[in-house]
Amino acid sequence: SEVVVAINVSARQFRNGNLDKLIAQALKKFKVPAHHLEVE
């Protein structure tokens, strides 16, 4: 229950304008509390 995973995002993905929506969908899909994910 204490694990946190950090993911790297690319420059193009960061500037694409929908990164927050993609992450929100994945968190909801797999029912993962947001504080377990970190973005670099």
PDB file of all heavy atoms in Angstrom:
ATOM      1  N   SER A   1       0.792  -1.236   0.000  1.00  0.00           N
ATOM      2  CA  SER A   1       0.000   0.000   0.000  1.00  0.00           C
ATOM      3  C   SER A   1       0.819   1.278   0.000  1.00  0.00           C
ATOM      4  O   SER A   1       0.272   2.358  -0.201  1.00  0.00           O
ATOM      5  CB  SER A   1      -0.935   0.008   1.226  1.00  0.00           C
ATOM      6  OG  SER A   1      -0.172  -0.088   2.428  1.00  0.00           O
ATOM      7  N   GLU A   2       2.134   1.186   0.222  1.00  0.00           N
ATOM      8  CA  GLU A   2       2.937   2.399   0.331  1.00  0.00           C
ATOM      9  C   GLU A   2       3.689   2.738  -0.962  1.00  0.00           C
ATOM     10  O   GLU A   2       4.397   3.737  -1.010  1.00  0.00           O
ATOM     11  CB  GLU A   2       3.946   2.257   1.476  1.00  0.00           C
ATOM     12  CG  GLU A   2       3.291   2.101   2.843  1.00  0.00           C
ATOM     13  CD  GLU A   2       4.310   2.030   3.969  1.00  0.00           C
ATOM     14  OE1 GLU A   2       5.519   2.135   3.666  1.00  0.00           O
ATOM     15  OE2 GLU A   2       3.901   1.865   5.125  1.00  0.00           O
ATOM     16  N   VAL A   3       3.574   1.904  -1.977  1.00  0.00           N
ATOM     17  CA  VAL A   3       4.373   2.095  -3.182  1.00  0.00           C
ATOM     18  C   VAL A   3       3.896   3.323  -3.974  1.00  0.00           C
ATOM     19  O   VAL A   3       2.700   3.590  -4.089  1.00  0.00           O
ATOM     20  CB  VAL A   3       4.334   0.831  -4.067  1.00  0.00           C
ATOM     21  CG1 VAL A   3       2.929   0.588  -4.610  1.00  0.00           C
ATOM     22  CG2 VAL A   3       5.331   0.944  -5.214  1.00  0.00           C
ATOM     23  N   VAL A   4       4.879   4.071  -4.496  1.00  0.00           N
ATOM     24  CA  VAL A   4       4.635   5.212  -5.389  1.00  0.00           C
ATOM     25  C   VAL A   4       5.459   4.981  -6.652  1.00  0.00           C
ATOM     26  O   VAL A   4       6.626   4.587  -6.568  1.00  0.00           O
ATOM     27  CB  VAL A   4       5.053   6.540  -4.729  1.00  0.00           C
ATOM     28  CG1 VAL A   4       4.924   7.699  -5.716  1.00  0.00           C
ATOM     29  CG2 VAL A   4       4.219   6.809  -3.489  1.00  0.00           C
ATOM     30  N   VAL A   5       4.870   5.208  -7.813  1.00  0.00           N
ATOM     31  CA  VAL A   5       5.582   5.008  -9.076  1.00  0.00           C
ATOM     32  C   VAL A   5       5.706   6.345  -9.805  1.00  0.00           C
ATOM     33  O   VAL A   5       4.714   7.071  -9.967  1.00  0.00           O
ATOM     34  CB  VAL A   5       4.858   3.985  -9.977  1.00  0.00           C
ATOM     35  CG1 VAL A   5       5.479   3.963 -11.373  1.00  0.00           C
ATOM     36  CG2 VAL A   5       4.939   2.596  -9.362  1.00  0.00           C
ATOM     37  N   ALA A   6       6.928   6.660 -10.219  1.00  0.00           N
ATOM     38  CA  ALA A   6       7.191   7.881 -10.987  1.00  0.00           C
ATOM     39  C   ALA A   6       7.329   7.528 -12.456  1.00  0.00           C
ATOM     40  O   ALA A   6       8.043   6.580 -12.808  1.00  0.00           O
ATOM     41  CB  ALA A   6       8.467   8.550 -10.485  1.00  0.00           C
ATOM     42  N   ILE A   7       6.653   8.265 -13.315  1.00  0.00           N
ATOM     43  CA  ILE A   7       6.742   8.049 -14.761  1.00  0.00           C
ATOM     44  C   ILE A   7       7.332   9.289 -15.414  1.00  0.00           C
ATOM     45  O   ILE A   7       7.162  10.407 -14.940  1.00  0.00           O
ATOM     46  CB  ILE A   7       5.366   7.732 -15.380  1.00  0.00           C
ATOM     47  CG1 ILE A   7       4.377   8.880 -15.125  1.00  0.00           C
ATOM     48  CG2 ILE A   7       4.814   6.413 -14.848  1.00  0.00           C
ATOM     49  CD1 ILE A   7       3.060   8.731 -15.867  1.00  0.00           C
ATOM     50  N   ASN A   8       8.047   9.073 -16.503  1.00  0.00           N
ATOM     51  CA  ASN A   8       8.595  10.175 -17.292  1.00  0.00           C
ATOM     52  C   ASN A   8       7.662  10.474 -18.459  1.00  0.00           C
ATOM     53  O   ASN A   8       7.140   9.558 -19.097  1.00  0.00           O
ATOM     54  CB  ASN A   8       9.970   9.794 -17.838  1.00  0.00           C
ATOM     55  CG  ASN A   8      10.991   9.597 -16.740  1.00  0.00           C
ATOM     56  OD1 ASN A   8      11.593  10.548 -16.262  1.00  0.00           O
ATOM     57  ND2 ASN A   8      11.190   8.341 -16.320  1.00  0.00           N
ATOM     58  N   VAL A   9       7.468  11.743 -18.746  1.00  0.00           N
ATOM     59  CA  VAL A   9       6.672  12.125 -19.911  1.00  0.00           C
ATOM     60  C   VAL A   9       7.573  12.860 -20.893  1.00  0.00           C
ATOM     61  O   VAL A   9       8.521  13.558 -20.502  1.00  0.00           O
ATOM     62  CB  VAL A   9       5.467  12.997 -19.520  1.00  0.00           C
ATOM     63  CG1 VAL A   9       4.514  12.226 -18.623  1.00  0.00           C
ATOM     64  CG2 VAL A   9       5.900  14.285 -18.845  1.00  0.00           C
ATOM     65  N   SER A  10       7.298  12.695 -22.159  1.00  0.00           N
ATOM     66  CA  SER A  10       8.100  13.326 -23.200  1.00  0.00           C
ATOM     67  C   SER A  10       7.693  14.781 -23.383  1.00  0.00           C
ATOM     68  O   SER A  10       6.610  15.212 -22.954  1.00  0.00           O
ATOM     69  CB  SER A  10       7.925  12.580 -24.517  1.00  0.00           C
ATOM     70  OG  SER A  10       6.619  12.797 -25.026  1.00  0.00           O
ATOM     71  N   ALA A  11       8.550  15.530 -24.053  1.00  0.00           N
ATOM     72  CA  ALA A  11       8.253  16.944 -24.320  1.00  0.00           C
ATOM     73  C   ALA A  11       6.998  17.074 -25.172  1.00  0.00           C
ATOM     74  O   ALA A  11       6.132  17.923 -24.917  1.00  0.00           O
ATOM     75  CB  ALA A  11       9.447  17.588 -25.012  1.00  0.00           C
ATOM     76  N   ARG A  12       6.883  16.221 -26.196  1.00  0.00           N
ATOM     77  CA  ARG A  12       5.719  16.312 -27.081  1.00  0.00           C
ATOM     78  C   ARG A  12       4.428  15.976 -26.340  1.00  0.00           C
ATOM     79  O   ARG A  12       3.405  16.623 -26.520  1.00  0.00           O
ATOM     80  CB  ARG A  12       5.900  15.369 -28.276  1.00  0.00           C
ATOM     81  CG  ARG A  12       4.749  15.424 -29.271  1.00  0.00           C
ATOM     82  CD  ARG A  12       5.018  14.605 -30.501  1.00  0.00           C
ATOM     83  NE  ARG A  12       6.091  15.184 -31.310  1.00  0.00           N
ATOM     84  CZ  ARG A  12       6.334  14.830 -32.581  1.00  0.00           C
ATOM     85  NH1 ARG A  12       5.579  13.908 -33.167  1.00  0.00           N
ATOM     86  NH2 ARG A  12       7.326  15.374 -33.250  1.00  0.00           N
ATOM     87  N   GLN A  13       4.499  14.969 -25.478  1.00  0.00           N
ATOM     88  CA  GLN A  13       3.326  14.588 -24.704  1.00  0.00           C
ATOM     89  C   GLN A  13       2.932  15.684 -23.712  1.00  0.00           C
ATOM     90  O   GLN A  13       1.755  15.961 -23.517  1.00  0.00           O
ATOM     91  CB  GLN A  13       3.617  13.285 -23.968  1.00  0.00           C
ATOM     92  CG  GLN A  13       2.405  12.644 -23.318  1.00  0.00           C
ATOM     93  CD  GLN A  13       2.734  11.296 -22.707  1.00  0.00           C
ATOM     94  OE1 GLN A  13       3.875  11.058 -22.298  1.00  0.00           O
ATOM     95  NE2 GLN A  13       1.757  10.412 -22.649  1.00  0.00           N
ATOM     96  N   PHE A  14       3.945  16.316 -23.121  1.00  0.00           N
ATOM     97  CA  PHE A  14       3.689  17.379 -22.150  1.00  0.00           C
ATOM     98  C   PHE A  14       3.019  18.577 -22.813  1.00  0.00           C
ATOM     99  O   PHE A  14       2.160  19.241 -22.223  1.00  0.00           O
ATOM    100  CB  PHE A  14       5.003  17.802 -21.489  1.00  0.00           C
ATOM    101  CG  PHE A  14       4.842  18.830 -20.403  1.00  0.00           C
ATOM    102  CD1 PHE A  14       4.335  18.488 -19.158  1.00  0.00           C
ATOM    103  CD2 PHE A  14       5.206  20.155 -20.636  1.00  0.00           C
ATOM    104  CE1 PHE A  14       4.192  19.438 -18.159  1.00  0.00           C
ATOM    105  CE2 PHE A  14       5.066  21.109 -19.639  1.00  0.00           C
ATOM    106  CZ  PHE A  14       4.561  20.746 -18.400  1.00  0.00           C
ATOM    107  N   ARG A  15       3.418  18.849 -24.060  1.00  0.00           N
ATOM    108  CA  ARG A  15       2.895  20.031 -24.763  1.00  0.00           C
ATOM    109  C   ARG A  15       1.631  19.721 -25.557  1.00  0.00           C
ATOM    110  O   ARG A  15       1.071  20.615 -26.198  1.00  0.00           O
ATOM    111  CB  ARG A  15       3.967  20.576 -25.709  1.00  0.00           C
ATOM    112  CG  ARG A  15       5.216  21.066 -24.989  1.00  0.00           C
ATOM    113  CD  ARG A  15       6.343  21.317 -25.974  1.00  0.00           C
ATOM    114  NE  ARG A  15       7.619  21.511 -25.282  1.00  0.00           N
ATOM    115  CZ  ARG A  15       8.815  21.297 -25.821  1.00  0.00           C
ATOM    116  NH1 ARG A  15       8.898  20.876 -27.083  1.00  0.00           N
ATOM    117  NH2 ARG A  15       9.912  21.483 -25.127  1.00  0.00           N
ATOM    118  N   ASN A  16       1.195  18.478 -25.542  1.00  0.00           N
ATOM    119  CA  ASN A  16       0.062  18.082 -26.380  1.00  0.00           C
ATOM    120  C   ASN A  16      -1.261  18.636 -25.879  1.00  0.00           C
ATOM    121  O   ASN A  16      -2.246  18.679 -26.612  1.00  0.00           O
ATOM    122  CB  ASN A  16      -0.007  16.556 -26.468  1.00  0.00           C
ATOM    123  CG  ASN A  16      -0.617  16.089 -27.765  1.00  0.00           C
ATOM    124  OD1 ASN A  16      -0.410  16.691 -28.825  1.00  0.00           O
ATOM    125  ND2 ASN A  16      -1.391  15.017 -27.700  1.00  0.00           N
ATOM    126  N   GLY A  17      -1.316  19.013 -24.590  1.00  0.00           N
ATOM    127  CA  GLY A  17      -2.496  19.674 -24.062  1.00  0.00           C
ATOM    128  C   GLY A  17      -3.515  18.779 -23.384  1.00  0.00           C
ATOM    129  O   GLY A  17      -4.503  19.286 -22.836  1.00  0.00           O
ATOM    130  N   ASN A  18      -3.298  17.464 -23.409  1.00  0.00           N
ATOM    131  CA  ASN A  18      -4.291  16.580 -22.787  1.00  0.00           C
ATOM    132  C   ASN A  18      -3.667  15.605 -21.798  1.00  0.00           C
ATOM    133  O   ASN A  18      -4.260  14.566 -21.488  1.00  0.00           O
ATOM    134  CB  ASN A  18      -5.052  15.799 -23.866  1.00  0.00           C
ATOM    135  CG  ASN A  18      -4.150  14.851 -24.651  1.00  0.00           C
ATOM    136  OD1 ASN A  18      -2.922  14.996 -24.611  1.00  0.00           O
ATOM    137  ND2 ASN A  18      -4.746  13.900 -25.348  1.00  0.00           N
ATOM    138  N   LEU A  19      -2.474  15.913 -21.304  1.00  0.00           N
ATOM    139  CA  LEU A  19      -1.778  14.991 -20.405  1.00  0.00           C
ATOM    140  C   LEU A  19      -2.583  14.744 -19.140  1.00  0.00           C
ATOM    141  O   LEU A  19      -2.685  13.600 -18.667  1.00  0.00           O
ATOM    142  CB  LEU A  19      -0.387  15.542 -20.061  1.00  0.00           C
ATOM    143  CG  LEU A  19       0.482  14.682 -19.139  1.00  0.00           C
ATOM    144  CD1 LEU A  19       0.727  13.308 -19.757  1.00  0.00           C
ATOM    145  CD2 LEU A  19       1.809  15.387 -18.859  1.00  0.00           C
ATOM    146  N   ASP A  20      -3.154  15.790 -18.580  1.00  0.00           N
ATOM    147  CA  ASP A  20      -3.921  15.617 -17.345  1.00  0.00           C
ATOM    148  C   ASP A  20      -5.133  14.713 -17.560  1.00  0.00           C
ATOM    149  O   ASP A  20      -5.492  13.900 -16.695  1.00  0.00           O
ATOM    150  CB  ASP A  20      -4.349  16.973 -16.789  1.00  0.00           C
ATOM    151  CG  ASP A  20      -5.195  17.773 -17.783  1.00  0.00           C
ATOM    152  OD1 ASP A  20      -4.849  17.769 -18.984  1.00  0.00           O
ATOM    153  OD2 ASP A  20      -6.186  18.386 -17.345  1.00  0.00           O
ATOM    154  N   LYS A  21      -5.758  14.820 -18.743  1.00  0.00           N
ATOM    155  CA  LYS A  21      -6.924  13.984 -19.031  1.00  0.00           C
ATOM    156  C   LYS A  21      -6.525  12.523 -19.185  1.00  0.00           C
ATOM    157  O   LYS A  21      -7.219  11.617 -18.690  1.00  0.00           O
ATOM    158  CB  LYS A  21      -7.628  14.488 -20.296  1.00  0.00           C
ATOM    159  CG  LYS A  21      -8.185  15.905 -20.177  1.00  0.00           C
ATOM    160  CD  LYS A  21      -8.853  16.325 -21.463  1.00  0.00           C
ATOM    161  CE  LYS A  21      -9.430  17.740 -21.342  1.00  0.00           C
ATOM    162  NZ  LYS A  21      -8.383  18.751 -21.103  1.00  0.00           N
ATOM    163  N   LEU A  22      -5.395  12.276 -19.860  1.00  0.00           N
ATOM    164  CA  LEU A  22      -4.926  10.896 -20.039  1.00  0.00           C
ATOM    165  C   LEU A  22      -4.619  10.245 -18.693  1.00  0.00           C
ATOM    166  O   LEU A  22      -4.989   9.090 -18.453  1.00  0.00           O
ATOM    167  CB  LEU A  22      -3.677  10.885 -20.924  1.00  0.00           C
ATOM    168  CG  LEU A  22      -3.871  11.225 -22.400  1.00  0.00           C
ATOM    169  CD1 LEU A  22      -2.521  11.373 -23.083  1.00  0.00           C
ATOM    170  CD2 LEU A  22      -4.704  10.134 -23.081  1.00  0.00           C
ATOM    171  N   ILE A  23      -3.964  10.987 -17.822  1.00  0.00           N
ATOM    172  CA  ILE A  23      -3.610  10.446 -16.508  1.00  0.00           C
ATOM    173  C   ILE A  23      -4.858  10.232 -15.669  1.00  0.00           C
ATOM    174  O   ILE A  23      -5.001   9.205 -14.994  1.00  0.00           O
ATOM    175  CB  ILE A  23      -2.609  11.375 -15.801  1.00  0.00           C
ATOM    176  CG1 ILE A  23      -1.259  11.348 -16.536  1.00  0.00           C
ATOM    177  CG2 ILE A  23      -2.430  10.981 -14.341  1.00  0.00           C
ATOM    178  CD1 ILE A  23      -0.213  12.280 -15.971  1.00  0.00           C
ATOM    179  N   ALA A  24      -5.783  11.181 -15.716  1.00  0.00           N
ATOM    180  CA  ALA A  24      -7.022  11.050 -14.946  1.00  0.00           C
ATOM    181  C   ALA A  24      -7.802   9.809 -15.390  1.00  0.00           C
ATOM    182  O   ALA A  24      -8.347   9.061 -14.560  1.00  0.00           O
ATOM    183  CB  ALA A  24      -7.871  12.304 -15.104  1.00  0.00           C
ATOM    184  N   GLN A  25      -7.842   9.553 -16.709  1.00  0.00           N
ATOM    185  CA  GLN A  25      -8.557   8.386 -17.230  1.00  0.00           C
ATOM    186  C   GLN A  25      -7.907   7.090 -16.751  1.00  0.00           C
ATOM    187  O   GLN A  25      -8.598   6.137 -16.364  1.00  0.00           O
ATOM    188  CB  GLN A  25      -8.574   8.425 -18.757  1.00  0.00           C
ATOM    189  CG  GLN A  25      -9.468   9.516 -19.331  1.00  0.00           C
ATOM    190  CD  GLN A  25      -9.293   9.679 -20.833  1.00  0.00           C
ATOM    191  OE1 GLN A  25      -8.556   8.916 -21.469  1.00  0.00           O
ATOM    192  NE2 GLN A  25      -9.969  10.676 -21.390  1.00  0.00           N
ATOM    193  N   ALA A  26      -6.559   7.045 -16.774  1.00  0.00           N
ATOM    194  CA  ALA A  26      -5.859   5.832 -16.354  1.00  0.00           C
ATOM    195  C   ALA A  26      -6.044   5.573 -14.864  1.00  0.00           C
ATOM    196  O   ALA A  26      -6.251   4.437 -14.432  1.00  0.00           O
ATOM    197  CB  ALA A  26      -4.374   5.944 -16.690  1.00  0.00           C
ATOM    198  N   LEU A  27      -5.971   6.626 -14.062  1.00  0.00           N
ATOM    199  CA  LEU A  27      -6.183   6.474 -12.614  1.00  0.00           C
ATOM    200  C   LEU A  27      -7.582   5.947 -12.321  1.00  0.00           C
ATOM    201  O   LEU A  27      -7.778   5.070 -11.469  1.00  0.00           O
ATOM    202  CB  LEU A  27      -5.960   7.812 -11.905  1.00  0.00           C
ATOM    203  CG  LEU A  27      -4.521   8.355 -11.871  1.00  0.00           C
ATOM    204  CD1 LEU A  27      -4.511   9.774 -11.309  1.00  0.00           C
ATOM    205  CD2 LEU A  27      -3.613   7.450 -11.049  1.00  0.00           C
ATOM    206  N   LYS A  28      -8.562   6.496 -13.056  1.00  0.00           N
ATOM    207  CA  LYS A  28      -9.957   6.068 -12.853  1.00  0.00           C
ATOM    208  C   LYS A  28     -10.163   4.638 -13.340  1.00  0.00           C
ATOM    209  O   LYS A  28     -10.839   3.829 -12.669  1.00  0.00           O
ATOM    210  CB  LYS A  28     -10.889   7.027 -13.595  1.00  0.00           C
ATOM    211  CG  LYS A  28     -12.366   6.704 -13.403  1.00  0.00           C
ATOM    212  CD  LYS A  28     -13.240   7.721 -14.130  1.00  0.00           C
ATOM    213  CE  LYS A  28     -14.726   7.392 -13.936  1.00  0.00           C
ATOM    214  NZ  LYS A  28     -15.594   8.384 -14.643  1.00  0.00           N
ATOM    215  N   LYS A  29      -9.577   4.312 -14.472  1.00  0.00           N
ATOM    216  CA  LYS A  29      -9.745   2.981 -15.060  1.00  0.00           C
ATOM    217  C   LYS A  29      -9.254   1.881 -14.133  1.00  0.00           C
ATOM    218  O   LYS A  29      -9.895   0.840 -13.982  1.00  0.00           O
ATOM    219  CB  LYS A  29      -9.007   2.916 -16.405  1.00  0.00           C
ATOM    220  CG  LYS A  29      -9.059   1.558 -17.081  1.00  0.00           C
ATOM    221  CD  LYS A  29      -8.314   1.597 -18.404  1.00  0.00           C
ATOM    222  CE  LYS A  29      -8.325   0.230 -19.094  1.00  0.00           C
ATOM    223  NZ  LYS A  29      -7.602   0.259 -20.397  1.00  0.00           N
ATOM    224  N   PHE A  30      -8.093   2.120 -13.504  1.00  0.00           N
ATOM    225  CA  PHE A  30      -7.504   1.093 -12.648  1.00  0.00           C
ATOM    226  C   PHE A  30      -7.736   1.354 -11.158  1.00  0.00           C
ATOM    227  O   PHE A  30      -7.189   0.644 -10.316  1.00  0.00           O
ATOM    228  CB  PHE A  30      -6.005   0.980 -12.944  1.00  0.00           C
ATOM    229  CG  PHE A  30      -5.705   0.502 -14.335  1.00  0.00           C
ATOM    230  CD1 PHE A  30      -5.303   1.399 -15.315  1.00  0.00           C
ATOM    231  CD2 PHE A  30      -5.864  -0.833 -14.674  1.00  0.00           C
ATOM    232  CE1 PHE A  30      -5.043   0.967 -16.614  1.00  0.00           C
ATOM    233  CE2 PHE A  30      -5.605  -1.277 -15.970  1.00  0.00           C
ATOM    234  CZ  PHE A  30      -5.196  -0.367 -16.942  1.00  0.00           C
ATOM    235  N   LYS A  31      -8.540   2.372 -10.867  1.00  0.00           N
ATOM    236  CA  LYS A  31      -8.924   2.685  -9.483  1.00  0.00           C
ATOM    237  C   LYS A  31      -7.690   2.854  -8.591  1.00  0.00           C
ATOM    238  O   LYS A  31      -7.577   2.254  -7.520  1.00  0.00           O
ATOM    239  CB  LYS A  31      -9.836   1.591  -8.925  1.00  0.00           C
ATOM    240  CG  LYS A  31     -11.138   1.445  -9.713  1.00  0.00           C
ATOM    241  CD  LYS A  31     -12.007   0.329  -9.151  1.00  0.00           C
ATOM    242  CE  LYS A  31     -13.299   0.184  -9.972  1.00  0.00           C
ATOM    243  NZ  LYS A  31     -14.154  -0.928  -9.464  1.00  0.00           N
ATOM    244  N   VAL A  32      -6.780   3.686  -9.066  1.00  0.00           N
ATOM    245  CA  VAL A  32      -5.542   3.967  -8.333  1.00  0.00           C
ATOM    246  C   VAL A  32      -5.641   5.347  -7.692  1.00  0.00           C
ATOM    247  O   VAL A  32      -5.886   6.339  -8.393  1.00  0.00           O
ATOM    248  CB  VAL A  32      -4.317   3.926  -9.268  1.00  0.00           C
ATOM    249  CG1 VAL A  32      -3.058   4.369  -8.542  1.00  0.00           C
ATOM    250  CG2 VAL A  32      -4.136   2.520  -9.840  1.00  0.00           C
ATOM    251  N   PRO A  33      -5.461   5.454  -6.385  1.00  0.00           N
ATOM    252  CA  PRO A  33      -5.430   6.783  -5.740  1.00  0.00           C
ATOM    253  C   PRO A  33      -4.301   7.630  -6.335  1.00  0.00           C
ATOM    254  O   PRO A  33      -3.185   7.139  -6.552  1.00  0.00           O
ATOM    255  CB  PRO A  33      -5.171   6.456  -4.269  1.00  0.00           C
ATOM    256  CG  PRO A  33      -5.661   5.050  -4.098  1.00  0.00           C
ATOM    257  CD  PRO A  33      -5.370   4.361  -5.395  1.00  0.00           C
ATOM    258  N   ALA A  34      -4.593   8.879  -6.595  1.00  0.00           N
ATOM    259  CA  ALA A  34      -3.650   9.739  -7.327  1.00  0.00           C
ATOM    260  C   ALA A  34      -2.307   9.890  -6.624  1.00  0.00           C
ATOM    261  O   ALA A  34      -1.270  10.051  -7.282  1.00  0.00           O
ATOM    262  CB  ALA A  34      -4.277  11.115  -7.553  1.00  0.00           C
ATOM    263  N   HIS A  35      -2.283   9.838  -5.274  1.00  0.00           N
ATOM    264  CA  HIS A  35      -1.023  10.084  -4.571  1.00  0.00           C
ATOM    265  C   HIS A  35      -0.015   8.954  -4.752  1.00  0.00           C
ATOM    266  O   HIS A  35       1.133   9.073  -4.329  1.00  0.00           O
ATOM    267  CB  HIS A  35      -1.285  10.326  -3.076  1.00  0.00           C
ATOM    268  CG  HIS A  35      -1.812   9.126  -2.351  1.00  0.00           C
ATOM    269  ND1 HIS A  35      -3.156   8.868  -2.241  1.00  0.00           N
ATOM    270  CD2 HIS A  35      -1.175   8.124  -1.701  1.00  0.00           C
ATOM    271  CE1 HIS A  35      -3.340   7.756  -1.548  1.00  0.00           C
ATOM    272  NE2 HIS A  35      -2.151   7.285  -1.214  1.00  0.00           N
ATOM    273  N   HIS A  36      -0.418   7.863  -5.410  1.00  0.00           N
ATOM    274  CA  HIS A  36       0.521   6.776  -5.698  1.00  0.00           C
ATOM    275  C   HIS A  36       1.279   7.007  -7.011  1.00  0.00           C
ATOM    276  O   HIS A  36       2.157   6.223  -7.355  1.00  0.00           O
ATOM    277  CB  HIS A  36      -0.218   5.434  -5.770  1.00  0.00           C
ATOM    278  CG  HIS A  36      -0.637   4.918  -4.434  1.00  0.00           C
ATOM    279  ND1 HIS A  36       0.213   4.266  -3.574  1.00  0.00           N
ATOM    280  CD2 HIS A  36      -1.836   4.973  -3.808  1.00  0.00           C
ATOM    281  CE1 HIS A  36      -0.439   3.937  -2.476  1.00  0.00           C
ATOM    282  NE2 HIS A  36      -1.686   4.361  -2.584  1.00  0.00           N
ATOM    283  N   LEU A  37       0.934   8.051  -7.729  1.00  0.00           N
ATOM    284  CA  LEU A  37       1.570   8.323  -9.016  1.00  0.00           C
ATOM    285  C   LEU A  37       2.350   9.634  -8.953  1.00  0.00           C
ATOM    286  O   LEU A  37       1.893  10.611  -8.366  1.00  0.00           O
ATOM    287  CB  LEU A  37       0.522   8.406 -10.130  1.00  0.00           C
ATOM    288  CG  LEU A  37       1.071   8.475 -11.565  1.00  0.00           C
ATOM    289  CD1 LEU A  37       1.740   7.164 -11.950  1.00  0.00           C
ATOM    290  CD2 LEU A  37      -0.058   8.801 -12.551  1.00  0.00           C
ATOM    291  N   GLU A  38       3.515   9.627  -9.590  1.00  0.00           N
ATOM    292  CA  GLU A  38       4.363  10.820  -9.671  1.00  0.00           C
ATOM    293  C   GLU A  38       4.758  11.025 -11.127  1.00  0.00           C
ATOM    294  O   GLU A  38       5.032  10.058 -11.843  1.00  0.00           O
ATOM    295  CB  GLU A  38       5.610  10.624  -8.799  1.00  0.00           C
ATOM    296  CG  GLU A  38       6.554  11.800  -8.759  1.00  0.00           C
ATOM    297  CD  GLU A  38       7.709  11.553  -7.790  1.00  0.00           C
ATOM    298  OE1 GLU A  38       7.490  10.893  -6.753  1.00  0.00           O
ATOM    299  OE2 GLU A  38       8.833  12.023  -8.077  1.00  0.00           O
ATOM    300  N   VAL A  39       4.783  12.262 -11.570  1.00  0.00           N
ATOM    301  CA  VAL A  39       5.161  12.585 -12.947  1.00  0.00           C
ATOM    302  C   VAL A  39       6.456  13.384 -12.930  1.00  0.00           C
ATOM    303  O   VAL A  39       6.574  14.371 -12.191  1.00  0.00           O
ATOM    304  CB  VAL A  39       4.049  13.379 -13.669  1.00  0.00           C
ATOM    305  CG1 VAL A  39       4.527  13.873 -15.037  1.00  0.00           C
ATOM    306  CG2 VAL A  39       2.808  12.516 -13.824  1.00  0.00           C
ATOM    307  N   GLU A  40       7.424  12.951 -13.745  1.00  0.00           N
ATOM    308  CA  GLU A  40       8.718  13.635 -13.835  1.00  0.00           C
ATOM    309  C   GLU A  40       8.791  14.443 -15.120  1.00  0.00           C
ATOM    310  O   GLU A  40       8.513  13.926 -16.211  1.00  0.00           O
ATOM    311  CB  GLU A  40       9.861  12.618 -13.776  1.00  0.00           C
ATOM    312  CG  GLU A  40       9.935  11.868 -12.456  1.00  0.00           C
ATOM    313  CD  GLU A  40      11.208  11.052 -12.315  1.00  0.00           C
ATOM    314  OE1 GLU A  40      12.060  11.119 -13.225  1.00  0.00           O
ATOM    315  OE2 GLU A  40      11.348  10.350 -11.303  1.00  0.00           O
TER     316      GLU A  40
END
